[in-house]
Amino acid sequence: MHDDTTRSPSFTALRRRGFLAATGVGALALAGCGGSGSDDGAGDGAPKKGGRLRAAFAGGGASETLDPHLANLFADAARAKALFDKLADYGADLSAVPRLAEKWEPNAALDRWQVTLREAAFHDGRPVTAKDVLYSYRRIADPKQAFRAKASLEPIDLDASRATGERSVEFVLKRPTAEFPNILAAFGAYIVPDGATEFDRAPVGSGPFRFVSFAPGRSAVFRRYDEHWEGAPHLDEIEFLVANEESARVNALLGGQIEYAHELNPTTARAHEDKGQIEIVRLRGSAMQAFCMKTDRPPFDDPRVRQAFFLIADRQELVDGALSGAGEVGNDLFGKGYQYYADGLPQREQDLDKARALLKQAGAEDLRVTLDTSAVAAGFTEAAGIFRDQAKKAGVTVEVRMGSKDSYWSDILDQGTLCCYRSGAMPIEAHISQRLLTDSSTNATRWRHKDFDAQYQQAQSTRDPAERAAVYERMQRRLYAEGGFLVWGFADWIIGTGRRVRGVETKAPANTLDWARFDRVWLA
């Protein structure tokens, strides 16, 4: 099952190029390559079976893992959804869509939910059962681990929850939870076989592709799983290549060495849009762009300093400069346009006089701060430079520090005081549970307030949607006033594909079900 004997003769060279791109050396090497990625555009219509699609993502270096419960980067998520399934996932409108769960039903009190599994099998032929579900969730919730979905699963009493049949689970909750389906769809809440602990050598999932090979920081190859519950993918194989430099991804796409390039810069997209060489896919406004202030340490442990920074930012200048206008301004809150978003708050504008007054009140008139950034994401280095210049007008010296593309996301979680940050789509409820609760495993702003935690639990337990929205609005008003996320914009998510590629969803925000849905893609 896991042999690698069907690789084409060019695979070794391609893997070497993928490695060079990952180390930042491959851009020029790829630029002159002859291409198989362009054709005359023929082949639209019925999906075509067969072929290997090569997809390039920014990766996490040699520390990468295929453990789906540790997925954090977009490359991790794309690989995880190819190999594994969740009980539910987020649709394009951020509502929960059934996946391995065929249906879910609550009791009248909303504190017990019965989940019925569909008939599905792991890659080794074993059926997916309630036992696998409970094992997976208990593994995620292990207090000794820092798995991404742990905070999202917190409402479930996993000791009391039980299998009520081979394909049915009764989830007992610690309190009534009206939005329980969002928990099933949480980022990283994948179902793995009972007892599974090793994922990098021969992982077994129930996703549309099965494992062939994995070289951390370089590539992963997965082959079509013909028995997938939703039907076999069109492709024979999908290869994920790591190319941290955007230029390497673009040149590989132009040269025909890959067929899918994740995350292109707006300037790159404009340069190639409608030119015929490659296709540009824009997922509108799907990526939050922010600066993250750590609220547990100086200078941002003083809310007046955080408020001053909110007023230093010229959001339109950041959108125009860092995103080349490919996005819209933010208002220091996640989830613009999503359910529960507090859109009644006034749009915050730059006010340097008020910012200087707040800094003076805080005794921070000659403030110097370090802003961590990296070329790990489109627009990060540009945003850092623009904000540095904006802060100077308020008397603040911002020193920009470039971080490693391989370790940036893990570095900024605990270190530093101010950093560039972004997020793909998820419900506002999930953003709060994963990033803003005391025990959230990705709490990059170190926002830890027990009364805020209690408000979240209140919102989760409120049956009436209007009353629940009112609780979320109160929480967002507090974040707007004194939170640690300076959300300056929402960027278009930009993907490039070869002209042979068909079936890429154009309306699915990053992180949702149909984003990076390679089981639906084919080569014309």
Protein backbone atom coordinates (compact mmCIF):
# COMPACT_ATOMS: atom_id res chain seq x y z
CA MET A 1 0.00 0.00 0.00
CA HIS A 2 2.77 2.45 0.85
CA ASP A 3 5.29 1.58 -1.83
CA ASP A 4 6.57 4.31 -4.10
CA THR A 5 7.23 2.31 -7.25
CA THR A 6 4.76 4.13 -9.49
CA ARG A 7 6.57 7.46 -9.48
CA SER A 8 7.46 9.03 -12.80
CA PRO A 9 11.15 9.45 -13.72
CA SER A 10 10.92 13.20 -13.13
CA PHE A 11 9.75 12.81 -9.54
CA THR A 12 13.23 12.79 -8.00
CA ALA A 13 14.14 16.04 -9.73
CA LEU A 14 10.86 17.61 -8.72
CA ARG A 15 11.39 16.66 -5.10
CA ARG A 16 14.85 18.20 -5.24
CA ARG A 17 13.38 21.40 -6.66
CA GLY A 18 10.73 21.37 -3.96
CA PHE A 19 13.47 21.14 -1.36
CA LEU A 20 15.40 24.00 -2.94
CA ALA A 21 12.26 26.12 -2.95
CA ALA A 22 11.68 25.31 0.69
CA THR A 23 15.10 26.61 1.55
CA GLY A 24 14.66 29.75 -0.52
CA VAL A 25 17.14 28.72 -3.23
CA GLY A 26 14.79 27.39 -5.85
CA ALA A 27 13.18 30.48 -7.38
CA LEU A 28 15.74 31.02 -10.14
CA ALA A 29 16.24 27.30 -10.68
CA LEU A 30 12.54 26.90 -11.42
CA ALA A 31 12.16 29.97 -13.59
CA GLY A 32 13.51 28.42 -16.74
CA CYS A 33 11.89 25.00 -16.53
CA GLY A 34 9.86 23.79 -19.48
CA GLY A 35 6.18 23.41 -18.71
CA SER A 36 3.43 20.87 -18.88
CA GLY A 37 1.10 23.18 -16.96
CA SER A 38 -0.22 25.11 -19.97
CA ASP A 39 -2.46 23.91 -22.76
CA ASP A 40 -4.98 25.42 -25.11
CA GLY A 41 -7.68 25.50 -22.43
CA ALA A 42 -9.54 22.52 -23.90
CA GLY A 43 -11.05 19.88 -21.69
CA ASP A 44 -13.78 21.72 -19.82
CA GLY A 45 -16.83 19.61 -19.10
CA ALA A 46 -16.99 16.22 -17.42
CA PRO A 47 -14.24 15.54 -14.88
CA LYS A 48 -11.35 13.50 -16.17
CA LYS A 49 -9.84 10.67 -14.19
CA GLY A 50 -6.15 10.24 -13.55
CA GLY A 51 -2.93 12.18 -13.21
CA ARG A 52 -0.92 13.65 -10.36
CA LEU A 53 -1.51 17.22 -9.26
CA ARG A 54 1.43 18.98 -7.63
CA ALA A 55 0.47 21.68 -5.12
CA ALA A 56 2.95 24.07 -3.50
CA PHE A 57 2.35 25.57 -0.05
CA ALA A 58 4.45 27.45 2.47
CA GLY A 59 5.43 24.87 5.07
CA GLY A 60 6.79 24.43 8.54
CA GLY A 61 10.27 23.07 7.90
CA ALA A 62 11.79 19.85 9.17
CA SER A 63 9.48 19.79 12.21
CA GLU A 64 6.38 19.18 10.06
CA THR A 65 4.10 16.31 11.01
CA LEU A 66 1.07 14.57 9.51
CA ASP A 67 -0.55 14.33 12.95
CA PRO A 68 -3.91 15.98 12.10
CA HIS A 69 -4.45 17.08 15.68
CA LEU A 70 -1.32 19.23 15.45
CA ALA A 71 -2.37 20.91 12.19
CA ASN A 72 -1.73 24.64 12.41
CA LEU A 73 -0.51 25.93 9.05
CA PHE A 74 -2.54 25.95 5.84
CA ALA A 75 -0.22 23.28 4.45
CA ASP A 76 -0.98 21.12 7.51
CA ALA A 77 -4.72 21.61 7.06
CA ALA A 78 -4.63 20.76 3.35
CA ARG A 79 -2.68 17.56 4.00
CA ALA A 80 -4.90 16.63 6.93
CA LYS A 81 -8.15 17.00 5.00
CA ALA A 82 -6.74 14.83 2.21
CA LEU A 83 -5.88 11.99 4.62
CA PHE A 84 -8.55 12.35 7.32
CA ASP A 85 -12.18 13.33 7.87
CA LYS A 86 -13.96 15.28 10.59
CA LEU A 87 -17.48 14.70 11.85
CA ALA A 88 -18.42 18.05 10.28
CA ASP A 89 -16.76 20.91 8.49
CA TYR A 90 -17.53 24.56 7.71
CA GLY A 91 -19.46 25.37 4.57
CA ALA A 92 -18.83 28.52 2.54
CA ASP A 93 -21.24 30.41 4.83
CA LEU A 94 -19.37 29.11 7.93
CA SER A 95 -22.25 26.87 8.99
CA ALA A 96 -21.49 23.28 10.02
CA VAL A 97 -21.89 20.72 7.21
CA PRO A 98 -22.13 16.97 8.03
CA ARG A 99 -19.13 14.86 7.04
CA LEU A 100 -18.48 11.59 8.92
CA ALA A 101 -21.51 12.50 11.01
CA GLU A 102 -24.64 11.68 9.05
CA LYS A 103 -26.80 13.65 11.47
CA TRP A 104 -26.90 15.14 14.98
CA GLU A 105 -29.83 15.66 17.30
CA PRO A 106 -29.98 17.43 20.70
CA ASN A 107 -32.19 16.72 23.66
CA ALA A 108 -34.57 19.43 24.85
CA ALA A 109 -32.02 20.82 27.31
CA LEU A 110 -29.22 21.05 24.68
CA ASP A 111 -26.84 19.25 27.04
CA ARG A 112 -26.86 15.86 25.26
CA TRP A 113 -26.36 15.40 21.54
CA GLN A 114 -26.79 12.14 19.67
CA VAL A 115 -24.47 11.85 16.65
CA THR A 116 -25.04 9.15 14.05
CA LEU A 117 -22.07 8.24 11.87
CA ARG A 118 -22.37 7.47 8.18
CA GLU A 119 -20.94 4.23 6.83
CA ALA A 120 -17.28 4.96 6.16
CA ALA A 121 -14.02 3.03 6.30
CA PHE A 122 -10.41 3.77 7.10
CA HIS A 123 -7.76 3.14 4.47
CA ASP A 124 -6.96 -0.26 5.97
CA GLY A 125 -10.58 -1.38 5.60
CA ARG A 126 -11.69 -0.98 9.22
CA PRO A 127 -15.05 0.77 9.61
CA VAL A 128 -15.13 4.19 11.27
CA THR A 129 -16.91 3.62 14.58
CA ALA A 130 -18.05 5.47 17.66
CA LYS A 131 -15.01 4.04 19.44
CA ASP A 132 -12.70 5.85 16.98
CA VAL A 133 -14.58 9.11 17.49
CA LEU A 134 -14.32 8.96 21.27
CA TYR A 135 -10.64 8.01 21.12
CA SER A 136 -9.89 10.91 18.77
CA TYR A 137 -11.67 13.49 20.91
CA ARG A 138 -10.14 12.19 24.14
CA ARG A 139 -6.70 12.33 22.54
CA ILE A 140 -7.28 15.96 21.49
CA ALA A 141 -8.49 16.83 24.99
CA ASP A 142 -5.45 15.32 26.74
CA PRO A 143 -4.41 17.97 29.31
CA LYS A 144 -0.74 17.05 28.78
CA GLN A 145 -0.94 17.99 25.09
CA ALA A 146 -1.53 21.24 23.22
CA PHE A 147 -3.66 20.04 20.35
CA ARG A 148 -5.30 22.79 18.33
CA ALA A 149 -8.94 21.75 18.84
CA LYS A 150 -8.68 21.18 22.59
CA ALA A 151 -10.34 24.46 23.56
CA SER A 152 -13.13 23.86 21.06
CA LEU A 153 -13.91 20.45 22.60
CA GLU A 154 -13.95 21.84 26.16
CA PRO A 155 -17.79 21.87 26.45
CA ILE A 156 -17.88 18.05 26.04
CA ASP A 157 -17.73 15.83 29.10
CA LEU A 158 -15.73 13.10 27.43
CA ASP A 159 -15.72 10.89 30.51
CA ALA A 160 -19.52 10.75 30.48
CA SER A 161 -19.92 10.57 26.70
CA ARG A 162 -20.39 7.07 25.35
CA ALA A 163 -20.97 4.91 22.31
CA THR A 164 -24.64 3.94 22.02
CA GLY A 165 -24.00 1.71 19.04
CA GLU A 166 -21.22 0.97 16.56
CA ARG A 167 -22.11 4.10 14.59
CA SER A 168 -23.74 6.28 17.24
CA VAL A 169 -22.31 8.46 20.00
CA GLU A 170 -24.03 10.27 22.82
CA PHE A 171 -22.07 13.39 23.68
CA VAL A 172 -22.75 14.59 27.21
CA LEU A 173 -22.01 18.29 27.61
CA LYS A 174 -20.88 20.21 30.65
CA ARG A 175 -23.57 22.81 29.98
CA PRO A 176 -26.25 23.41 27.34
CA THR A 177 -24.56 24.21 24.03
CA ALA A 178 -26.68 25.51 21.18
CA GLU A 179 -23.83 25.58 18.64
CA PHE A 180 -22.58 22.07 19.25
CA PRO A 181 -22.22 21.32 15.48
CA ASN A 182 -19.47 23.97 15.33
CA ILE A 183 -17.51 21.86 17.81
CA LEU A 184 -17.67 18.90 15.44
CA ALA A 185 -16.33 21.13 12.64
CA ALA A 186 -13.53 22.67 14.71
CA PHE A 187 -10.16 23.20 13.06
CA GLY A 188 -8.07 20.12 13.81
CA ALA A 189 -10.89 17.91 15.15
CA TYR A 190 -10.09 14.98 12.84
CA ILE A 191 -11.12 11.40 13.46
CA VAL A 192 -8.26 8.88 13.64
CA PRO A 193 -8.35 5.14 14.31
CA ASP A 194 -8.68 4.01 17.91
CA GLY A 195 -5.21 3.80 19.46
CA ALA A 196 -3.38 5.65 16.67
CA THR A 197 -0.29 7.51 17.87
CA GLU A 198 2.13 7.41 14.91
CA PHE A 199 1.27 9.57 11.90
CA ASP A 200 4.44 10.34 9.99
CA ARG A 201 5.49 6.93 8.70
CA ALA A 202 2.26 5.20 7.66
CA PRO A 203 -0.80 7.19 8.79
CA VAL A 204 -4.22 5.64 8.30
CA GLY A 205 -7.20 7.93 7.89
CA SER A 206 -10.61 7.86 6.25
CA GLY A 207 -10.03 10.78 3.87
CA PRO A 208 -10.18 10.74 0.07
CA PHE A 209 -6.44 10.05 -0.31
CA ARG A 210 -4.19 7.48 1.35
CA PHE A 211 -0.57 7.79 2.35
CA VAL A 212 2.37 7.09 0.01
CA SER A 213 5.32 9.08 1.35
CA PHE A 214 6.27 12.04 3.52
CA ALA A 215 9.49 14.06 3.78
CA PRO A 216 8.98 16.82 6.39
CA GLY A 217 9.68 20.27 5.01
CA ARG A 218 9.87 18.89 1.47
CA SER A 219 6.97 16.88 0.12
CA ALA A 220 4.10 14.49 0.79
CA VAL A 221 2.51 12.16 -1.75
CA PHE A 222 -0.97 10.68 -1.32
CA ARG A 223 -2.84 8.30 -3.63
CA ARG A 224 -6.53 8.12 -4.46
CA TYR A 225 -8.64 6.10 -2.00
CA ASP A 226 -11.19 4.33 -4.15
CA GLU A 227 -13.45 3.35 -1.25
CA HIS A 228 -13.97 6.83 0.19
CA TRP A 229 -17.53 7.27 1.45
CA GLU A 230 -18.09 10.30 -0.80
CA GLY A 231 -16.61 8.66 -3.88
CA ALA A 232 -13.08 8.34 -5.20
CA PRO A 233 -11.15 11.49 -6.17
CA HIS A 234 -10.64 12.26 -9.85
CA LEU A 235 -6.86 12.46 -9.45
CA ASP A 236 -4.64 9.40 -9.14
CA GLU A 237 -2.30 11.24 -6.77
CA ILE A 238 -1.77 14.55 -5.04
CA GLU A 239 1.71 15.75 -4.18
CA PHE A 240 2.21 18.55 -1.66
CA LEU A 241 5.47 20.43 -2.13
CA VAL A 242 6.92 22.95 0.30
CA ALA A 243 7.99 26.25 -1.24
CA ASN A 244 8.16 29.00 1.35
CA GLU A 245 9.15 31.72 -1.11
CA GLU A 246 6.21 33.07 -3.11
CA SER A 247 8.52 33.65 -6.06
CA ALA A 248 9.42 29.95 -6.04
CA ARG A 249 5.74 28.96 -6.09
CA VAL A 250 5.00 31.35 -8.95
CA ASN A 251 8.00 30.33 -11.05
CA ALA A 252 7.24 26.66 -10.51
CA LEU A 253 3.67 27.27 -11.67
CA LEU A 254 4.80 29.22 -14.73
CA GLY A 255 7.38 26.56 -15.51
CA GLY A 256 4.94 23.68 -15.28
CA GLN A 257 6.64 22.08 -12.27
CA ILE A 258 3.44 22.43 -10.22
CA GLU A 259 -0.22 22.87 -11.07
CA TYR A 260 -1.42 24.65 -7.91
CA ALA A 261 0.26 27.49 -5.99
CA HIS A 262 -1.26 28.43 -2.67
CA GLU A 263 -1.18 32.06 -1.54
CA LEU A 264 0.04 34.52 -4.12
CA ASN A 265 0.69 38.19 -3.54
CA PRO A 266 -1.83 40.69 -4.98
CA THR A 267 0.86 42.25 -7.17
CA THR A 268 1.72 38.83 -8.59
CA ALA A 269 -1.95 38.12 -9.24
CA ARG A 270 -2.42 41.40 -11.10
CA ALA A 271 0.66 40.74 -13.20
CA HIS A 272 -0.67 37.38 -14.40
CA GLU A 273 -4.45 37.77 -14.33
CA ASP A 274 -6.10 37.31 -17.73
CA LYS A 275 -2.72 36.81 -19.41
CA GLY A 276 -3.42 33.19 -20.36
CA GLN A 277 -0.41 31.49 -18.78
CA ILE A 278 -1.99 30.64 -15.44
CA GLU A 279 -5.37 31.02 -13.78
CA ILE A 280 -5.88 33.29 -10.76
CA VAL A 281 -8.53 32.37 -8.18
CA ARG A 282 -9.55 35.04 -5.67
CA LEU A 283 -11.34 34.01 -2.49
CA ARG A 284 -12.71 37.41 -1.55
CA GLY A 285 -12.01 38.90 1.88
CA SER A 286 -11.30 35.54 3.49
CA ALA A 287 -8.10 36.28 5.41
CA MET A 288 -7.99 38.44 8.53
CA GLN A 289 -4.89 40.63 8.65
CA ALA A 290 -3.80 41.94 12.05
CA PHE A 291 -1.11 42.98 14.47
CA CYS A 292 -1.13 40.91 17.62
CA MET A 293 -0.34 42.63 20.95
CA LYS A 294 0.49 40.42 23.94
CA THR A 295 -1.71 41.72 26.74
CA ASP A 296 0.18 40.01 29.58
CA ARG A 297 3.48 41.89 29.28
CA PRO A 298 4.78 45.44 28.91
CA PRO A 299 3.97 47.65 27.17
CA PHE A 300 0.69 46.07 26.10
CA ASP A 301 -0.39 45.00 29.58
CA ASP A 302 -1.60 48.62 29.83
CA PRO A 303 -4.89 48.92 27.91
CA ARG A 304 -4.14 52.56 27.16
CA VAL A 305 -1.14 51.50 25.09
CA ARG A 306 -3.30 49.02 23.18
CA GLN A 307 -5.89 51.70 22.58
CA ALA A 308 -3.18 54.05 21.33
CA PHE A 309 -2.01 51.45 18.83
CA PHE A 310 -5.57 51.02 17.58
CA LEU A 311 -5.53 54.76 16.82
CA ILE A 312 -2.07 54.78 15.24
CA ALA A 313 -3.11 52.46 12.41
CA ASP A 314 -4.23 53.92 9.11
CA ARG A 315 -6.12 50.87 7.91
CA GLN A 316 -6.74 52.04 4.36
CA GLU A 317 -3.05 52.76 3.88
CA LEU A 318 -2.25 49.26 5.13
CA VAL A 319 -4.78 47.66 2.76
CA ASP A 320 -3.54 49.74 -0.17
CA GLY A 321 0.15 49.23 0.58
CA ALA A 322 0.44 45.74 2.06
CA LEU A 323 -2.39 44.13 0.08
CA SER A 324 -2.17 46.30 -3.05
CA GLY A 325 -5.81 47.15 -2.45
CA ALA A 326 -6.93 43.50 -2.68
CA GLY A 327 -9.07 43.52 0.44
CA GLU A 328 -11.07 45.76 2.75
CA VAL A 329 -10.38 47.58 5.99
CA GLY A 330 -10.92 45.91 9.35
CA ASN A 331 -12.24 47.27 12.62
CA ASP A 332 -10.20 45.37 15.22
CA LEU A 333 -12.61 42.44 15.25
CA PHE A 334 -12.44 39.05 13.57
CA GLY A 335 -15.13 37.77 11.21
CA LYS A 336 -16.37 40.72 9.18
CA GLY A 337 -19.56 39.64 7.46
CA TYR A 338 -19.96 36.47 9.54
CA GLN A 339 -22.83 35.56 11.84
CA TYR A 340 -22.68 37.50 15.14
CA TYR A 341 -20.18 40.08 13.83
CA ALA A 342 -20.65 43.37 15.69
CA ASP A 343 -21.04 45.57 12.64
CA GLY A 344 -22.71 48.38 14.60
CA LEU A 345 -19.46 49.58 16.13
CA PRO A 346 -18.01 52.76 14.61
CA GLN A 347 -15.24 52.26 12.07
CA ARG A 348 -12.03 53.14 13.85
CA GLU A 349 -9.93 55.81 12.14
CA GLN A 350 -6.40 57.01 12.66
CA ASP A 351 -6.19 59.67 15.41
CA LEU A 352 -2.54 60.44 16.18
CA ASP A 353 -3.30 63.22 18.68
CA LYS A 354 -5.46 60.93 20.79
CA ALA A 355 -2.89 58.13 20.46
CA ARG A 356 -0.14 60.43 21.77
CA ALA A 357 -2.38 61.52 24.67
CA LEU A 358 -3.07 57.90 25.66
CA LEU A 359 0.63 57.05 25.52
CA LYS A 360 1.39 60.04 27.72
CA GLN A 361 -1.21 58.92 30.26
CA ALA A 362 0.43 55.49 30.28
CA GLY A 363 3.91 56.97 30.78
CA ALA A 364 4.97 55.64 27.39
CA GLU A 365 5.73 58.83 25.50
CA ASP A 366 9.05 57.59 24.09
CA LEU A 367 7.93 54.03 23.55
CA ARG A 368 10.14 51.59 21.64
CA VAL A 369 8.69 48.23 20.59
CA THR A 370 9.82 45.35 18.42
CA LEU A 371 7.42 44.19 15.71
CA ASP A 372 8.01 40.59 14.66
CA THR A 373 7.26 39.77 11.05
CA SER A 374 8.34 37.33 8.37
CA ALA A 375 7.97 36.63 4.67
CA VAL A 376 5.92 33.61 5.77
CA ALA A 377 2.70 35.27 4.57
CA ALA A 378 1.74 37.67 1.81
CA GLY A 379 1.87 41.30 2.91
CA PHE A 380 3.49 40.73 6.30
CA THR A 381 6.79 42.51 5.65
CA GLU A 382 5.04 45.33 3.79
CA ALA A 383 2.53 45.81 6.62
CA ALA A 384 5.33 45.94 9.19
CA GLY A 385 7.13 48.67 7.28
CA ILE A 386 3.99 50.72 6.78
CA PHE A 387 2.99 50.47 10.44
CA ARG A 388 6.52 51.38 11.53
CA ASP A 389 6.18 54.63 9.59
CA GLN A 390 2.69 55.29 10.95
CA ALA A 391 3.86 54.76 14.53
CA LYS A 392 6.73 57.19 14.07
CA LYS A 393 4.19 59.98 13.56
CA ALA A 394 2.84 59.23 17.06
CA GLY A 395 6.32 59.29 18.61
CA VAL A 396 6.62 55.50 18.80
CA THR A 397 9.75 53.77 17.54
CA VAL A 398 8.93 50.41 15.98
CA GLU A 399 11.86 48.13 15.26
CA VAL A 400 10.96 45.50 12.69
CA ARG A 401 12.47 42.07 13.34
CA MET A 402 12.41 39.43 10.59
CA GLY A 403 11.61 35.92 11.75
CA SER A 404 12.20 32.50 10.26
CA LYS A 405 9.62 31.35 7.73
CA ASP A 406 9.96 27.81 9.08
CA SER A 407 9.26 28.58 12.74
CA TYR A 408 7.49 31.96 12.72
CA TRP A 409 4.07 30.75 13.88
CA SER A 410 5.40 28.75 16.79
CA ASP A 411 7.86 31.52 17.71
CA ILE A 412 5.25 34.27 17.98
CA LEU A 413 2.83 32.21 20.02
CA ASP A 414 4.84 32.64 23.22
CA GLN A 415 7.63 35.07 22.38
CA GLY A 416 7.80 38.78 21.68
CA THR A 417 5.25 41.50 22.37
CA LEU A 418 3.96 42.60 18.94
CA CYS A 419 3.73 40.62 15.72
CA CYS A 420 2.08 40.34 12.33
CA TYR A 421 -0.80 37.87 12.38
CA ARG A 422 -3.48 36.48 10.10
CA SER A 423 -6.29 33.95 10.06
CA GLY A 424 -8.43 32.11 7.57
CA ALA A 425 -12.16 31.73 7.95
CA MET A 426 -13.95 30.15 10.90
CA PRO A 427 -17.08 31.03 12.87
CA ILE A 428 -16.64 33.84 15.38
CA GLU A 429 -17.46 31.30 18.09
CA ALA A 430 -14.49 29.14 16.98
CA HIS A 431 -12.15 32.15 16.83
CA ILE A 432 -13.05 32.92 20.43
CA SER A 433 -12.72 29.35 21.68
CA GLN A 434 -9.38 28.70 19.99
CA ARG A 435 -7.70 32.08 20.56
CA LEU A 436 -9.32 34.12 23.29
CA LEU A 437 -10.13 31.87 26.23
CA THR A 438 -7.80 31.38 29.17
CA ASP A 439 -6.97 27.82 28.14
CA SER A 440 -6.99 28.32 24.36
CA SER A 441 -3.99 26.57 22.84
CA THR A 442 -3.37 29.32 20.24
CA ASN A 443 -3.97 32.35 22.47
CA ALA A 444 -1.37 34.57 20.78
CA THR A 445 -2.58 37.80 22.45
CA ARG A 446 -2.50 36.20 25.92
CA TRP A 447 -6.04 37.47 26.47
CA ARG A 448 -6.96 35.64 29.70
CA HIS A 449 -10.02 36.82 31.59
CA LYS A 450 -12.24 34.46 33.55
CA ASP A 451 -15.26 36.74 33.17
CA PHE A 452 -14.76 36.68 29.39
CA ASP A 453 -14.59 32.87 29.55
CA ALA A 454 -17.86 32.90 31.47
CA GLN A 455 -19.49 35.10 28.83
CA TYR A 456 -18.44 32.63 26.15
CA GLN A 457 -20.03 29.80 28.11
CA GLN A 458 -23.17 31.92 28.49
CA ALA A 459 -23.33 32.48 24.73
CA GLN A 460 -22.86 28.77 24.06
CA SER A 461 -25.70 27.92 26.43
CA THR A 462 -28.19 30.48 25.11
CA ARG A 463 -30.86 28.80 22.97
CA ASP A 464 -32.38 31.92 21.41
CA PRO A 465 -30.19 33.15 18.49
CA ALA A 466 -30.99 36.84 19.11
CA GLU A 467 -30.09 36.59 22.79
CA ARG A 468 -26.95 34.65 21.90
CA ALA A 469 -25.97 37.33 19.38
CA ALA A 470 -26.39 39.96 22.12
CA VAL A 471 -23.86 38.14 24.32
CA TYR A 472 -21.38 37.86 21.46
CA GLU A 473 -21.81 41.56 20.77
CA ARG A 474 -20.96 42.45 24.38
CA MET A 475 -17.85 40.29 24.13
CA GLN A 476 -16.81 41.96 20.89
CA ARG A 477 -17.38 45.43 22.30
CA ARG A 478 -14.89 44.59 25.02
CA LEU A 479 -12.38 43.30 22.49
CA TYR A 480 -12.92 46.42 20.38
CA ALA A 481 -12.15 48.59 23.40
CA GLU A 482 -9.24 46.74 24.95
CA GLY A 483 -8.40 43.51 23.11
CA GLY A 484 -5.04 42.46 21.73
CA PHE A 485 -5.89 42.05 18.04
CA LEU A 486 -5.42 45.16 15.91
CA VAL A 487 -7.37 43.88 12.90
CA TRP A 488 -6.53 46.27 10.09
CA GLY A 489 -7.89 44.40 7.08
CA PHE A 490 -9.41 41.39 5.39
CA ALA A 491 -7.45 40.20 2.38
CA ASP A 492 -8.50 38.31 -0.70
CA TRP A 493 -7.02 34.83 -0.59
CA ILE A 494 -5.27 34.30 -3.91
CA ILE A 495 -4.45 30.95 -5.52
CA GLY A 496 -2.76 30.28 -8.84
CA THR A 497 -3.39 27.21 -10.95
CA GLY A 498 -2.16 25.81 -14.23
CA ARG A 499 -4.53 26.06 -17.18
CA ARG A 500 -5.21 22.32 -17.11
CA VAL A 501 -6.63 22.44 -13.58
CA ARG A 502 -10.40 22.23 -13.18
CA GLY A 503 -12.76 22.03 -10.22
CA VAL A 504 -11.11 24.56 -7.87
CA GLU A 505 -13.86 26.15 -5.78
CA THR A 506 -13.92 29.94 -6.19
CA LYS A 507 -16.23 30.88 -3.32
CA ALA A 508 -14.84 28.87 -0.41
CA PRO A 509 -12.88 30.94 2.15
CA ALA A 510 -9.62 29.46 3.40
CA ASN A 511 -10.20 26.90 6.19
CA THR A 512 -13.64 25.88 4.94
CA LEU A 513 -14.67 22.51 3.53
CA ASP A 514 -14.26 23.30 -0.16
CA TRP A 515 -10.95 25.16 0.16
CA ALA A 516 -8.00 22.94 -0.95
CA ARG A 517 -10.55 20.27 -1.88
CA PHE A 518 -8.24 18.20 -4.06
CA ASP A 519 -10.62 15.26 -4.24
CA ARG A 520 -12.86 17.47 -6.41
CA VAL A 521 -10.09 18.72 -8.71
CA TRP A 522 -9.06 17.21 -12.01
CA LEU A 523 -6.60 17.79 -14.85
CA ALA A 524 -8.13 18.53 -18.25
